[in-house]
Each structure stands twice: as C-alpha cells, then as structure tokens.
Amino acid sequence: MARTRAPDHETQRDQILELAAAKFAQTSYPSTSMSDLAAASGTSKARLYHYYESKEAILFDLLDRYTKRLMLIIAEVEGASQRRGHDERESFAELIRAFLAEYETSHSRHVALLNDVKYLVDVQREIILNRQRDVVAAFTRQLARAYPSQVTSENQTALTMMVFGMINWTFTWLKPGGRMGYRDFAEQVIAMVDHGLTGA
C-alpha cells in the first residue's frame, strides 16, 4: 500500500525549497551537499530524502515553481489590466512593478534561476529555459504594444533585454529597507523606459 502524505507535506517542501535557495545563493549550488541542505533545514538527511530524492530534484522543483510563478504574474497583470481598462503603456508599467515586487521577496530563487539552470539534466533544463523564453516573449509583446512606433522587429530584442538588464540584477545592490525601495525603483525604471522611447 502506498504511504499517505502528511497534511503538511507541501508546507514542508516549500520550507525546504526556501532554505535550499538561500543555501545555494550563499555557498553555490555545486558546493552544497544534501547534508548541508539537511543542516540548513534543521532536519536529518534521511528525512530530507523523504521529500526529495536528490539535490538535483530540489533545484528543479525550486526553478520549476519559480518560473511558473513568473508566468502567473504575467497572466495576472494582463488580466487585471484588461479588467481595469489600462492602456498598453500602463499595462507594461504594471508588469515592471509586479516583477520587481516579486524580486523583492525572491532574492535567492532569482539567483538560482540566473546561475544554476546549467546544472539541470537536459530535459529539465529545457523546461526551465523554455519558460524563461516565454517570460522574455511576454515582455517583448507588452513592450511592443506599449510603444508601437518605437519598438520594431529589428530592435525589440535589444530593448527587452535592456529592461531586464535594469531589473534582473537588483538582488546584487537593491536591499529591502535601503534608501530606495523596490517600489520607488520600479517607478524609476518605468520613467526611464518611457523617456527613452518617447523623448517625453
């Protein structure tokens, strides 16, 4: 008979992923062992194996959940913008605000997404990379809708990656509780994009 899962099984997995992400960011994924993860989680290695069969399984679940979360944010922003009747420029601004709000609380997950995808096996790596491409494509689509006269097929990739260049590395310098908050920085990014593309 299959063993039934405890009611808090998913809660325990969430906690493991949170602590694992922090450990990977602190000591790097290659340098972190299952013993290290068990110690960080305050549990035994045997108990950790009850939830995940390997360090690789932890990394994939971490990145799988995080990239799904980013895609959900995009869908939520697009849906909310339609319901509220936002114009395309405001919709793109809301997307930037939403991503930076997520980044504020997902530092270690974001570090893993930027640094550790290469350690996944081929099939899993392709799943995460495809989802990353979907995120980029959504930003490109929204940017082109927001600035149809300025964004062309020739420059849309460069402009999209320019936006990601501004927001994707905030974990290296923009600290919660610092002089500038994530909300304030989002408005700075929005203003810079708008001014750069419209000259206004």
N, C-alpha and C. Protein backbone atom coordinates (compact mmCIF):
# COMPACT_ATOMS: atom_id res chain seq x y z
N MET A 1 0.85 -1.19 0.00
CA MET A 1 0.00 0.00 0.00
C MET A 1 0.88 1.24 0.00
N ALA A 2 0.52 2.22 -0.81
CA ALA A 2 1.31 3.44 -0.89
C ALA A 2 1.18 4.22 0.41
N ARG A 3 2.28 4.85 0.78
CA ARG A 3 2.30 5.64 2.01
C ARG A 3 1.56 6.95 1.77
N THR A 4 0.62 7.28 2.67
CA THR A 4 -0.11 8.53 2.51
C THR A 4 0.75 9.70 2.96
N ARG A 5 0.54 10.84 2.29
CA ARG A 5 1.32 12.03 2.63
C ARG A 5 0.73 12.73 3.85
N ALA A 6 1.61 13.28 4.66
CA ALA A 6 1.15 14.05 5.81
C ALA A 6 0.48 15.33 5.32
N PRO A 7 -0.47 15.87 6.10
CA PRO A 7 -1.18 17.08 5.68
C PRO A 7 -0.25 18.26 5.40
N ASP A 8 0.90 18.28 6.09
CA ASP A 8 1.81 19.41 5.93
C ASP A 8 2.94 19.11 4.93
N HIS A 9 2.74 18.08 4.10
CA HIS A 9 3.80 17.67 3.17
C HIS A 9 4.24 18.82 2.27
N GLU A 10 3.28 19.51 1.65
CA GLU A 10 3.62 20.61 0.74
C GLU A 10 4.24 21.78 1.49
N THR A 11 3.76 22.02 2.70
CA THR A 11 4.35 23.09 3.52
C THR A 11 5.81 22.79 3.81
N GLN A 12 6.10 21.53 4.13
CA GLN A 12 7.48 21.13 4.40
C GLN A 12 8.35 21.29 3.15
N ARG A 13 7.81 20.92 2.00
CA ARG A 13 8.56 21.07 0.75
C ARG A 13 8.84 22.54 0.47
N ASP A 14 7.85 23.38 0.70
CA ASP A 14 8.05 24.83 0.50
C ASP A 14 9.17 25.36 1.38
N GLN A 15 9.18 24.91 2.62
CA GLN A 15 10.22 25.36 3.55
C GLN A 15 11.60 24.86 3.12
N ILE A 16 11.65 23.63 2.66
CA ILE A 16 12.92 23.08 2.18
C ILE A 16 13.43 23.89 0.99
N LEU A 17 12.53 24.20 0.06
CA LEU A 17 12.93 24.97 -1.12
C LEU A 17 13.43 26.36 -0.75
N GLU A 18 12.75 26.99 0.21
CA GLU A 18 13.15 28.33 0.65
C GLU A 18 14.56 28.30 1.23
N LEU A 19 14.81 27.34 2.10
CA LEU A 19 16.12 27.23 2.75
C LEU A 19 17.19 26.78 1.76
N ALA A 20 16.82 25.89 0.84
CA ALA A 20 17.78 25.42 -0.16
C ALA A 20 18.19 26.56 -1.07
N ALA A 21 17.23 27.39 -1.49
CA ALA A 21 17.55 28.52 -2.35
C ALA A 21 18.54 29.45 -1.66
N ALA A 22 18.31 29.71 -0.38
CA ALA A 22 19.22 30.57 0.37
C ALA A 22 20.61 29.94 0.47
N LYS A 23 20.66 28.62 0.67
CA LYS A 23 21.94 27.93 0.79
C LYS A 23 22.69 27.93 -0.54
N PHE A 24 21.97 27.68 -1.63
CA PHE A 24 22.61 27.72 -2.96
C PHE A 24 23.18 29.11 -3.23
N ALA A 25 22.44 30.15 -2.86
CA ALA A 25 22.91 31.52 -3.09
C ALA A 25 24.12 31.84 -2.23
N GLN A 26 24.15 31.26 -1.05
CA GLN A 26 25.23 31.55 -0.11
C GLN A 26 26.52 30.83 -0.47
N THR A 27 26.43 29.54 -0.78
CA THR A 27 27.65 28.75 -0.96
C THR A 27 27.83 28.20 -2.37
N SER A 28 26.89 28.46 -3.26
CA SER A 28 26.84 27.98 -4.64
C SER A 28 26.24 26.58 -4.69
N TYR A 29 25.53 26.31 -5.76
CA TYR A 29 24.89 25.00 -5.92
C TYR A 29 25.90 23.86 -5.93
N PRO A 30 27.00 23.93 -6.71
CA PRO A 30 27.94 22.79 -6.74
C PRO A 30 28.56 22.49 -5.39
N SER A 31 28.72 23.51 -4.56
CA SER A 31 29.40 23.32 -3.27
C SER A 31 28.46 22.88 -2.16
N THR A 32 27.17 22.79 -2.46
CA THR A 32 26.18 22.44 -1.44
C THR A 32 25.80 20.96 -1.55
N SER A 33 25.87 20.25 -0.44
CA SER A 33 25.52 18.83 -0.43
C SER A 33 24.15 18.63 0.22
N MET A 34 23.62 17.44 0.10
CA MET A 34 22.37 17.12 0.78
C MET A 34 22.53 17.25 2.30
N SER A 35 23.71 16.92 2.80
CA SER A 35 23.97 17.10 4.24
C SER A 35 23.88 18.56 4.62
N ASP A 36 24.44 19.42 3.78
CA ASP A 36 24.36 20.86 4.03
C ASP A 36 22.91 21.34 4.04
N LEU A 37 22.14 20.83 3.08
CA LEU A 37 20.73 21.23 2.98
C LEU A 37 19.93 20.72 4.18
N ALA A 38 20.24 19.51 4.62
CA ALA A 38 19.55 18.97 5.80
C ALA A 38 19.86 19.82 7.02
N ALA A 39 21.13 20.19 7.18
CA ALA A 39 21.52 21.03 8.32
C ALA A 39 20.83 22.38 8.26
N ALA A 40 20.79 22.98 7.05
CA ALA A 40 20.13 24.28 6.89
C ALA A 40 18.65 24.19 7.19
N SER A 41 18.07 23.02 6.91
CA SER A 41 16.63 22.82 7.14
C SER A 41 16.33 22.37 8.56
N GLY A 42 17.38 22.14 9.33
CA GLY A 42 17.18 21.69 10.71
C GLY A 42 16.60 20.31 10.81
N THR A 43 16.98 19.44 9.86
CA THR A 43 16.46 18.08 9.86
C THR A 43 17.58 17.11 9.52
N SER A 44 17.27 15.84 9.47
CA SER A 44 18.26 14.84 9.12
C SER A 44 18.29 14.63 7.61
N LYS A 45 19.40 14.09 7.14
CA LYS A 45 19.48 13.81 5.71
C LYS A 45 18.45 12.75 5.31
N ALA A 46 18.21 11.79 6.16
CA ALA A 46 17.22 10.75 5.86
C ALA A 46 15.83 11.36 5.72
N ARG A 47 15.51 12.32 6.57
CA ARG A 47 14.19 12.97 6.48
C ARG A 47 14.11 13.84 5.23
N LEU A 48 15.21 14.47 4.87
CA LEU A 48 15.22 15.28 3.65
C LEU A 48 14.94 14.41 2.43
N TYR A 49 15.49 13.21 2.41
CA TYR A 49 15.26 12.28 1.30
C TYR A 49 13.80 11.82 1.22
N HIS A 50 13.08 11.98 2.33
CA HIS A 50 11.64 11.66 2.31
C HIS A 50 10.89 12.62 1.38
N TYR A 51 11.40 13.85 1.28
CA TYR A 51 10.74 14.87 0.46
C TYR A 51 11.36 15.00 -0.93
N TYR A 52 12.64 14.79 -1.04
CA TYR A 52 13.32 14.92 -2.33
C TYR A 52 14.37 13.83 -2.48
N GLU A 53 14.42 13.25 -3.68
CA GLU A 53 15.33 12.13 -3.88
C GLU A 53 16.78 12.56 -4.09
N SER A 54 16.99 13.85 -4.39
CA SER A 54 18.36 14.31 -4.66
C SER A 54 18.42 15.84 -4.61
N LYS A 55 19.63 16.35 -4.57
CA LYS A 55 19.85 17.79 -4.65
C LYS A 55 19.35 18.32 -5.98
N GLU A 56 19.52 17.54 -7.03
CA GLU A 56 19.06 17.94 -8.36
C GLU A 56 17.54 18.09 -8.40
N ALA A 57 16.86 17.20 -7.71
CA ALA A 57 15.39 17.27 -7.65
C ALA A 57 14.94 18.54 -6.93
N ILE A 58 15.67 18.91 -5.91
CA ILE A 58 15.36 20.15 -5.18
C ILE A 58 15.54 21.36 -6.10
N LEU A 59 16.65 21.38 -6.82
CA LEU A 59 16.92 22.51 -7.72
C LEU A 59 15.84 22.62 -8.79
N PHE A 60 15.46 21.50 -9.38
CA PHE A 60 14.46 21.56 -10.44
C PHE A 60 13.12 22.04 -9.89
N ASP A 61 12.70 21.50 -8.75
CA ASP A 61 11.42 21.92 -8.19
C ASP A 61 11.44 23.41 -7.84
N LEU A 62 12.56 23.86 -7.32
CA LEU A 62 12.73 25.28 -6.99
C LEU A 62 12.55 26.16 -8.23
N LEU A 63 13.25 25.81 -9.31
CA LEU A 63 13.19 26.62 -10.53
C LEU A 63 11.87 26.44 -11.26
N ASP A 64 11.31 25.24 -11.20
CA ASP A 64 10.03 24.98 -11.85
C ASP A 64 8.94 25.84 -11.21
N ARG A 65 8.90 25.84 -9.90
CA ARG A 65 7.88 26.62 -9.20
C ARG A 65 8.09 28.12 -9.41
N TYR A 66 9.33 28.55 -9.39
CA TYR A 66 9.61 29.98 -9.52
C TYR A 66 9.26 30.50 -10.91
N THR A 67 9.64 29.76 -11.94
CA THR A 67 9.32 30.22 -13.30
C THR A 67 7.81 30.14 -13.57
N LYS A 68 7.13 29.17 -12.99
CA LYS A 68 5.66 29.13 -13.10
C LYS A 68 5.07 30.36 -12.40
N ARG A 69 5.65 30.75 -11.29
CA ARG A 69 5.18 31.94 -10.58
C ARG A 69 5.35 33.19 -11.45
N LEU A 70 6.46 33.31 -12.14
CA LEU A 70 6.68 34.46 -13.02
C LEU A 70 5.66 34.49 -14.15
N MET A 71 5.36 33.32 -14.72
CA MET A 71 4.36 33.26 -15.77
C MET A 71 2.97 33.61 -15.23
N LEU A 72 2.67 33.20 -14.01
CA LEU A 72 1.39 33.53 -13.40
C LEU A 72 1.28 35.04 -13.18
N ILE A 73 2.36 35.67 -12.77
CA ILE A 73 2.36 37.12 -12.60
C ILE A 73 2.01 37.82 -13.90
N ILE A 74 2.61 37.36 -15.00
CA ILE A 74 2.32 37.95 -16.31
C ILE A 74 0.84 37.82 -16.63
N ALA A 75 0.29 36.63 -16.43
CA ALA A 75 -1.14 36.40 -16.71
C ALA A 75 -2.02 37.27 -15.82
N GLU A 76 -1.65 37.39 -14.55
CA GLU A 76 -2.43 38.21 -13.62
C GLU A 76 -2.42 39.68 -14.02
N VAL A 77 -1.25 40.18 -14.40
CA VAL A 77 -1.13 41.58 -14.80
C VAL A 77 -1.93 41.85 -16.07
N GLU A 78 -1.80 40.95 -17.04
CA GLU A 78 -2.55 41.13 -18.28
C GLU A 78 -4.05 41.11 -18.02
N GLY A 79 -4.50 40.18 -17.19
CA GLY A 79 -5.92 40.09 -16.87
C GLY A 79 -6.42 41.32 -16.12
N ALA A 80 -5.66 41.76 -15.13
CA ALA A 80 -6.07 42.93 -14.34
C ALA A 80 -6.09 44.19 -15.20
N SER A 81 -5.12 44.31 -16.10
CA SER A 81 -5.06 45.49 -16.96
C SER A 81 -6.29 45.55 -17.88
N GLN A 82 -6.70 44.40 -18.38
CA GLN A 82 -7.89 44.36 -19.23
C GLN A 82 -9.14 44.72 -18.46
N ARG A 83 -9.25 44.20 -17.24
CA ARG A 83 -10.44 44.49 -16.43
C ARG A 83 -10.53 45.96 -16.05
N ARG A 84 -9.36 46.56 -15.81
CA ARG A 84 -9.35 47.97 -15.38
C ARG A 84 -9.29 48.95 -16.54
N GLY A 85 -9.20 48.42 -17.74
CA GLY A 85 -9.16 49.29 -18.90
C GLY A 85 -7.89 50.09 -19.05
N HIS A 86 -6.77 49.54 -18.56
CA HIS A 86 -5.49 50.23 -18.71
C HIS A 86 -5.08 50.31 -20.17
N ASP A 87 -4.44 51.42 -20.53
CA ASP A 87 -3.86 51.45 -21.87
C ASP A 87 -2.60 50.60 -21.87
N GLU A 88 -2.05 50.36 -23.06
CA GLU A 88 -0.93 49.42 -23.19
C GLU A 88 0.31 49.90 -22.45
N ARG A 89 0.51 51.20 -22.40
CA ARG A 89 1.70 51.73 -21.72
C ARG A 89 1.60 51.50 -20.21
N GLU A 90 0.43 51.71 -19.67
CA GLU A 90 0.24 51.47 -18.24
C GLU A 90 0.31 49.98 -17.92
N SER A 91 -0.13 49.14 -18.83
CA SER A 91 -0.04 47.69 -18.64
C SER A 91 1.42 47.26 -18.53
N PHE A 92 2.28 47.83 -19.39
CA PHE A 92 3.69 47.48 -19.33
C PHE A 92 4.31 47.99 -18.03
N ALA A 93 3.90 49.17 -17.60
CA ALA A 93 4.39 49.70 -16.33
C ALA A 93 3.98 48.78 -15.17
N GLU A 94 2.75 48.26 -15.21
CA GLU A 94 2.29 47.35 -14.17
C GLU A 94 3.09 46.05 -14.17
N LEU A 95 3.51 45.61 -15.34
CA LEU A 95 4.32 44.39 -15.42
C LEU A 95 5.67 44.60 -14.74
N ILE A 96 6.28 45.74 -14.97
CA ILE A 96 7.55 46.05 -14.31
C ILE A 96 7.36 46.12 -12.80
N ARG A 97 6.30 46.78 -12.36
CA ARG A 97 6.02 46.88 -10.92
C ARG A 97 5.83 45.50 -10.30
N ALA A 98 5.08 44.65 -10.99
CA ALA A 98 4.79 43.32 -10.45
C ALA A 98 6.04 42.46 -10.36
N PHE A 99 6.89 42.52 -11.36
CA PHE A 99 8.11 41.72 -11.32
C PHE A 99 9.05 42.20 -10.22
N LEU A 100 9.18 43.50 -10.06
CA LEU A 100 10.07 44.00 -9.02
C LEU A 100 9.50 43.72 -7.63
N ALA A 101 8.19 43.71 -7.50
CA ALA A 101 7.58 43.33 -6.22
C ALA A 101 7.90 41.87 -5.90
N GLU A 102 7.89 41.01 -6.93
CA GLU A 102 8.26 39.60 -6.72
C GLU A 102 9.74 39.47 -6.40
N TYR A 103 10.58 40.18 -7.13
CA TYR A 103 12.02 40.09 -6.90
C TYR A 103 12.40 40.49 -5.48
N GLU A 104 11.63 41.42 -4.90
CA GLU A 104 11.96 41.90 -3.55
C GLU A 104 11.96 40.77 -2.53
N THR A 105 11.11 39.78 -2.74
CA THR A 105 11.00 38.68 -1.77
C THR A 105 11.55 37.36 -2.31
N SER A 106 12.18 37.40 -3.47
CA SER A 106 12.66 36.16 -4.10
C SER A 106 14.14 36.22 -4.47
N HIS A 107 14.92 36.91 -3.67
CA HIS A 107 16.34 37.08 -3.99
C HIS A 107 17.03 35.77 -4.32
N SER A 108 16.96 34.82 -3.38
CA SER A 108 17.73 33.59 -3.55
C SER A 108 17.19 32.73 -4.68
N ARG A 109 15.88 32.73 -4.88
CA ARG A 109 15.31 31.99 -6.01
C ARG A 109 15.80 32.58 -7.33
N HIS A 110 15.86 33.89 -7.37
CA HIS A 110 16.29 34.56 -8.59
C HIS A 110 17.76 34.29 -8.87
N VAL A 111 18.58 34.24 -7.84
CA VAL A 111 19.99 33.89 -8.01
C VAL A 111 20.11 32.50 -8.62
N ALA A 112 19.32 31.56 -8.12
CA ALA A 112 19.35 30.19 -8.66
C ALA A 112 18.92 30.17 -10.12
N LEU A 113 17.91 30.97 -10.46
CA LEU A 113 17.45 31.00 -11.85
C LEU A 113 18.53 31.55 -12.78
N LEU A 114 19.26 32.54 -12.31
CA LEU A 114 20.30 33.15 -13.15
C LEU A 114 21.56 32.30 -13.23
N ASN A 115 21.86 31.58 -12.15
CA ASN A 115 23.16 30.91 -12.07
C ASN A 115 23.15 29.39 -12.22
N ASP A 116 22.03 28.73 -11.90
CA ASP A 116 22.10 27.28 -11.70
C ASP A 116 21.33 26.43 -12.69
N VAL A 117 20.67 27.04 -13.67
CA VAL A 117 19.93 26.25 -14.67
C VAL A 117 20.85 25.26 -15.37
N LYS A 118 22.09 25.65 -15.58
CA LYS A 118 23.04 24.80 -16.31
C LYS A 118 23.33 23.48 -15.60
N TYR A 119 22.99 23.37 -14.34
CA TYR A 119 23.26 22.13 -13.60
C TYR A 119 22.13 21.11 -13.71
N LEU A 120 21.03 21.49 -14.33
CA LEU A 120 19.93 20.54 -14.50
C LEU A 120 20.23 19.56 -15.63
N VAL A 121 19.59 18.41 -15.59
CA VAL A 121 19.72 17.47 -16.71
C VAL A 121 19.01 18.08 -17.93
N ASP A 122 19.32 17.56 -19.10
CA ASP A 122 18.88 18.19 -20.35
C ASP A 122 17.39 18.46 -20.41
N VAL A 123 16.59 17.45 -20.09
CA VAL A 123 15.13 17.60 -20.20
C VAL A 123 14.62 18.68 -19.25
N GLN A 124 15.09 18.64 -18.02
CA GLN A 124 14.65 19.63 -17.04
C GLN A 124 15.16 21.03 -17.40
N ARG A 125 16.39 21.10 -17.86
CA ARG A 125 16.96 22.40 -18.24
C ARG A 125 16.14 23.03 -19.36
N GLU A 126 15.72 22.23 -20.33
CA GLU A 126 14.95 22.76 -21.45
C GLU A 126 13.58 23.27 -21.00
N ILE A 127 12.99 22.62 -20.02
CA ILE A 127 11.71 23.09 -19.47
C ILE A 127 11.86 24.49 -18.89
N ILE A 128 12.91 24.67 -18.10
CA ILE A 128 13.12 25.97 -17.46
C ILE A 128 13.51 27.02 -18.49
N LEU A 129 14.37 26.67 -19.41
CA LEU A 129 14.79 27.63 -20.44
C LEU A 129 13.61 28.04 -21.31
N ASN A 130 12.75 27.10 -21.65
CA ASN A 130 11.57 27.44 -22.45
C ASN A 130 10.66 28.40 -21.69
N ARG A 131 10.54 28.19 -20.40
CA ARG A 131 9.70 29.10 -19.62
C ARG A 131 10.34 30.47 -19.52
N GLN A 132 11.66 30.52 -19.41
CA GLN A 132 12.35 31.81 -19.42
C GLN A 132 12.12 32.53 -20.76
N ARG A 133 12.16 31.76 -21.84
CA ARG A 133 11.90 32.36 -23.16
C ARG A 133 10.48 32.90 -23.22
N ASP A 134 9.55 32.19 -22.61
CA ASP A 134 8.16 32.66 -22.59
C ASP A 134 8.04 33.97 -21.82
N VAL A 135 8.77 34.10 -20.73
CA VAL A 135 8.77 35.35 -19.97
C VAL A 135 9.30 36.49 -20.82
N VAL A 136 10.43 36.26 -21.48
CA VAL A 136 11.01 37.28 -22.34
C VAL A 136 10.05 37.65 -23.47
N ALA A 137 9.43 36.64 -24.06
CA ALA A 137 8.49 36.89 -25.16
C ALA A 137 7.30 37.73 -24.68
N ALA A 138 6.83 37.48 -23.47
CA ALA A 138 5.71 38.25 -22.93
C ALA A 138 6.11 39.71 -22.72
N PHE A 139 7.31 39.92 -22.20
CA PHE A 139 7.80 41.30 -22.03
C PHE A 139 7.93 41.98 -23.39
N THR A 140 8.46 41.26 -24.36
CA THR A 140 8.62 41.84 -25.70
C THR A 140 7.26 42.21 -26.29
N ARG A 141 6.31 41.33 -26.13
CA ARG A 141 4.96 41.58 -26.64
C ARG A 141 4.35 42.82 -25.99
N GLN A 142 4.46 42.91 -24.68
CA GLN A 142 3.89 44.05 -23.97
C GLN A 142 4.60 45.35 -24.31
N LEU A 143 5.93 45.28 -24.45
CA LEU A 143 6.70 46.47 -24.79
C LEU A 143 6.32 46.98 -26.18
N ALA A 144 6.15 46.06 -27.11
CA ALA A 144 5.78 46.45 -28.48
C ALA A 144 4.38 47.06 -28.51
N ARG A 145 3.48 46.54 -27.70
CA ARG A 145 2.14 47.12 -27.64
C ARG A 145 2.15 48.51 -27.01
N ALA A 146 3.02 48.67 -26.01
CA ALA A 146 3.08 49.95 -25.30
C ALA A 146 3.69 51.06 -26.14
N TYR A 147 4.66 50.68 -26.98
CA TYR A 147 5.39 51.68 -27.77
C TYR A 147 5.47 51.22 -29.23
N PRO A 148 4.33 51.13 -29.91
CA PRO A 148 4.32 50.56 -31.26
C PRO A 148 5.12 51.35 -32.28
N SER A 149 5.28 52.64 -32.06
CA SER A 149 6.03 53.46 -33.02
C SER A 149 7.53 53.35 -32.82
N GLN A 150 7.93 52.96 -31.64
CA GLN A 150 9.36 52.92 -31.32
C GLN A 150 9.95 51.51 -31.32
N VAL A 151 9.13 50.51 -31.05
CA VAL A 151 9.62 49.13 -30.97
C VAL A 151 9.35 48.43 -32.29
N THR A 152 10.41 47.94 -32.91
CA THR A 152 10.32 47.28 -34.20
C THR A 152 10.86 45.86 -34.11
N SER A 153 10.68 45.11 -35.16
CA SER A 153 11.21 43.75 -35.18
C SER A 153 12.73 43.75 -35.10
N GLU A 154 13.34 44.84 -35.53
CA GLU A 154 14.81 44.92 -35.51
C GLU A 154 15.35 45.24 -34.11
N ASN A 155 14.63 46.06 -33.35
CA ASN A 155 15.20 46.48 -32.06
C ASN A 155 14.50 45.90 -30.84
N GLN A 156 13.43 45.12 -31.03
CA GLN A 156 12.64 44.68 -29.89
C GLN A 156 13.41 43.78 -28.92
N THR A 157 14.29 42.94 -29.44
CA THR A 157 15.07 42.08 -28.55
C THR A 157 16.02 42.90 -27.70
N ALA A 158 16.71 43.85 -28.33
CA ALA A 158 17.65 44.70 -27.59
C ALA A 158 16.92 45.52 -26.52
N LEU A 159 15.77 46.07 -26.87
CA LEU A 159 15.03 46.89 -25.91
C LEU A 159 14.50 46.05 -24.76
N THR A 160 14.01 44.86 -25.06
CA THR A 160 13.51 43.97 -24.00
C THR A 160 14.63 43.59 -23.04
N MET A 161 15.77 43.21 -23.59
CA MET A 161 16.88 42.81 -22.74
C MET A 161 17.44 44.00 -21.96
N MET A 162 17.28 45.20 -22.50
CA MET A 162 17.69 46.39 -21.77
C MET A 162 16.84 46.55 -20.50
N VAL A 163 15.53 46.30 -20.64
CA VAL A 163 14.66 46.36 -19.47
C VAL A 163 15.06 45.29 -18.46
N PHE A 164 15.28 44.07 -18.93
CA PHE A 164 15.71 43.02 -18.00
C PHE A 164 17.05 43.35 -17.37
N GLY A 165 17.92 44.01 -18.12
CA GLY A 165 19.21 44.41 -17.56
C GLY A 165 19.04 45.35 -16.37
N MET A 166 17.99 46.18 -16.43
CA MET A 166 17.75 47.11 -15.32
C MET A 166 17.16 46.41 -14.10
N ILE A 167 16.32 45.40 -14.31
CA ILE A 167 15.61 44.83 -13.16
C ILE A 167 16.15 43.49 -12.66
N ASN A 168 16.83 42.73 -13.52
CA ASN A 168 17.18 41.36 -13.14
C ASN A 168 18.32 41.25 -12.14
N TRP A 169 19.12 42.30 -11.98
CA TRP A 169 20.27 42.20 -11.09
C TRP A 169 20.11 43.05 -9.83
N THR A 170 18.86 43.42 -9.55
CA THR A 170 18.63 44.24 -8.36
C THR A 170 19.06 43.54 -7.07
N PHE A 171 19.03 42.21 -7.08
CA PHE A 171 19.40 41.48 -5.86
C PHE A 171 20.85 41.74 -5.45
N THR A 172 21.67 42.23 -6.38
CA THR A 172 23.08 42.49 -6.06
C THR A 172 23.30 43.82 -5.36
N TRP A 173 22.31 44.71 -5.43
CA TRP A 173 22.55 46.04 -4.85
C TRP A 173 21.33 46.68 -4.18
N LEU A 174 20.12 46.32 -4.60
CA LEU A 174 18.92 46.97 -4.07
C LEU A 174 18.40 46.15 -2.89
N LYS A 175 18.63 46.63 -1.70
CA LYS A 175 18.31 45.86 -0.50
C LYS A 175 17.01 46.34 0.14
N PRO A 176 16.17 45.41 0.56
CA PRO A 176 14.95 45.81 1.28
C PRO A 176 15.30 46.65 2.49
N GLY A 177 14.57 47.73 2.68
CA GLY A 177 14.84 48.61 3.81
C GLY A 177 15.92 49.62 3.55
N GLY A 178 16.46 49.64 2.32
CA GLY A 178 17.51 50.60 1.99
C GLY A 178 16.95 51.96 1.63
N ARG A 179 17.81 52.84 1.15
CA ARG A 179 17.39 54.19 0.81
C ARG A 179 16.28 54.20 -0.24
N MET A 180 16.46 53.38 -1.26
CA MET A 180 15.45 53.28 -2.30
C MET A 180 14.77 51.92 -2.22
N GLY A 181 13.47 51.93 -2.14
CA GLY A 181 12.73 50.68 -2.10
C GLY A 181 12.46 50.15 -3.49
N TYR A 182 11.97 48.93 -3.55
CA TYR A 182 11.67 48.32 -4.85
C TYR A 182 10.55 49.06 -5.58
N ARG A 183 9.58 49.57 -4.84
CA ARG A 183 8.50 50.32 -5.48
C ARG A 183 9.05 51.59 -6.14
N ASP A 184 9.91 52.29 -5.39
CA ASP A 184 10.50 53.52 -5.93
C ASP A 184 11.35 53.22 -7.15
N PHE A 185 12.11 52.12 -7.07
CA PHE A 185 12.98 51.77 -8.20
C PHE A 185 12.14 51.41 -9.42
N ALA A 186 11.02 50.73 -9.20
CA ALA A 186 10.14 50.39 -10.32
C ALA A 186 9.70 51.65 -11.07
N GLU A 187 9.36 52.68 -10.33
CA GLU A 187 8.94 53.93 -10.97
C GLU A 187 10.10 54.58 -11.73
N GLN A 188 11.30 54.43 -11.22
CA GLN A 188 12.47 54.95 -11.92
C GLN A 188 12.68 54.22 -13.25
N VAL A 189 12.54 52.92 -13.22
CA VAL A 189 12.69 52.12 -14.45
C VAL A 189 11.61 52.50 -15.46
N ILE A 190 10.38 52.60 -14.98
CA ILE A 190 9.26 52.95 -15.87
C ILE A 190 9.50 54.31 -16.51
N ALA A 191 9.94 55.28 -15.71
CA ALA A 191 10.18 56.62 -16.23
C ALA A 191 11.32 56.62 -17.25
N MET A 192 12.36 55.84 -16.97
CA MET A 192 13.50 55.79 -17.88
C MET A 192 13.11 55.15 -19.22
N VAL A 193 12.34 54.07 -19.16
CA VAL A 193 11.87 53.43 -20.39
C VAL A 193 11.00 54.39 -21.19
N ASP A 194 10.06 55.03 -20.50
CA ASP A 194 9.12 55.92 -21.19
C ASP A 194 9.85 57.12 -21.79
N HIS A 195 10.75 57.70 -21.02
CA HIS A 195 11.50 58.85 -21.53
C HIS A 195 12.42 58.44 -22.69
N GLY A 196 13.05 57.28 -22.53
CA GLY A 196 13.98 56.83 -23.56
C GLY A 196 13.31 56.52 -24.89
N LEU A 197 12.07 56.02 -24.81
CA LEU A 197 11.38 55.62 -26.03
C LEU A 197 10.52 56.73 -26.64
N THR A 198 10.10 57.68 -25.79
CA THR A 198 9.23 58.73 -26.33
C THR A 198 9.90 60.09 -26.37
N GLY A 199 10.98 60.24 -25.58
CA GLY A 199 11.64 61.54 -25.50
C GLY A 199 10.85 62.55 -24.69
N ALA A 200 9.81 62.07 -24.01
CA ALA A 200 8.95 62.97 -23.25
C ALA A 200 9.51 63.19 -21.84
